[in-house]
Amino acid sequence: MAAGGFLGTAWTALGGPALPAGALRVLGRTGLESPLAVEELALGAVAAQLLAARELARQPLAVELDAVGVGFSFRSERYARQGGTAAGAGFAPLSRFWRTADGWIRLHGNYPHHRAAIERVLGPGGPAAAIGRWCGEELEAAVVEQGGAAAVVRTTEEWAAHPQGQAVAGLPLLRLTRVADGPPRDVPLAGLRVLDLTRVIAGPVATRTLAAHGADVLRLDHPGLPDDPAGLLDTGPGKRSTSLDLRTPYGRTALEELLVGADVVVEGYRPGALDAFGLDPAALAERHPHLAVVRLRAWGERGPWACRRGFDSLVQAATGIADTLASEAGPGVLPAQALDHGTGHLAAAAAMRAVARRRDEGGVWCAELSLAQLAHWLLAAGPRRETADEDSEVAPYLVELPAEGGPVSLVRPPGSPPWRTGPPLPGAHAPEWLPR
């Protein structure tokens, strides 16, 4: 696989130096069989973050990828085990495709507050009958208005005509921009301090990836808003975890102290949710110009849905992916939550490139990425009849790590060293950085 295609697009967006011929060598196949370019996306996203790590470490820009391991890593939540029992995150009963009066809709009910929003709209009783009486766009709007998450299954043509689809089409794959002036600052990747303000999959995959490269990743959660424990098991290795209520004076003071010592902030909450605490890029650049900031969204940084809640499954539904992959049984899905995992690896690459560009050029750097932008690339790339090799065994790609409740077995990071610590319990650590 040449360094063109998805890797070339991503590396150019990251402002990376020219790649030599043969910068990427791939062995085997990912097993991510799809009519769309999922394999190219997965290999390119992982290669981008590995090349960014090598560039930050001033090493030669060449990587070799075991594609089988990349494929398993993009499905890592399926293979998480604790005590020999499957422990990875799955989908709640409400989180699936449902028939409406005029088509299909995808709901997301994995979190209690999202389930409650759906139930407020549909009322008591079985959801199938109630959903069948709604027109899709009306139900989508009603669930969103109640604070929930839903997306009508649209065709690619319908998404292209939608105001949000048009906004996303005008964006690059990702943006890494200089947002303010600042002196050069050289921080090595080993020991890089990363404040992890993310949830679900894409953001936690990004910070899990940085932890595998040796960064000191401190995940910060609100004590009353825990993330899915099963998801944390899969995305938590190599990190530490602390808890702060940012609405309290102590929480705000502790946050500022963490920001003073941090090198990178990765934000993956619903857009705007953290701005009240001074965590938007402009406010951070003014108070802490030493920071690099990476922001992840579902629907892109522009357009009427820019601040809307979203998840991989919903973006697949809205953008036309689910319709493109449909069968007689209904809408289809990608062979992995590839938008989440791909965006996660790109976000890790953006964080490392931001640190490298600050080292080489000075300035304050901010990266913006979204699942919808990745979906746009995937659909624009056109069909790729990618077939899987024979089934591979996951066992050689697993690592066992200690954890509360017993050892966990997780898919090791592709191309980087395995984590040295297992996933911590939420809030297990003090809000402070490890010494450099």
Foldseek 3Di string as FASTA:
>chain_A
DWCDDPLVLLCVQLVHDDADTQQEAEDAAQQQFDQFPLRVLLRSLQLLLVQLQCVLVVHHRHFYFHNNLSNCLLAFLQPKDFPNHRQGDDADPQQQWAQACVAIKGFGDPDPQQVVLLCVVQPDDDNRVSRNDDDHVVSQVSSQVSVHHMAAQDALVVLCPDQLSVVLVPDGQKHKDFDWFFAFDRDRLAAAFEEQAAADFQSLLLVLVSLLSRYAYEYEEAPVDDGDPNNLQFSFFSYHAAYADLVDPVRLVLVVVLLQPHAEYEHHDQPPPCVVSQPDPVSCCVSPVNHAYEYEYARFCDGPCNRTDDALVNLCRHNRVQVVCADPVGGDDGSGSSLRNSSSSSSNSSRSSQSVCCNVPNGHMYMYHHSNSVVVSRVVVGTDRDHHDPDDDQVVQWDWAAEPVGIMITGADIRGHGGHHGGYDHRPDDSDGDDD
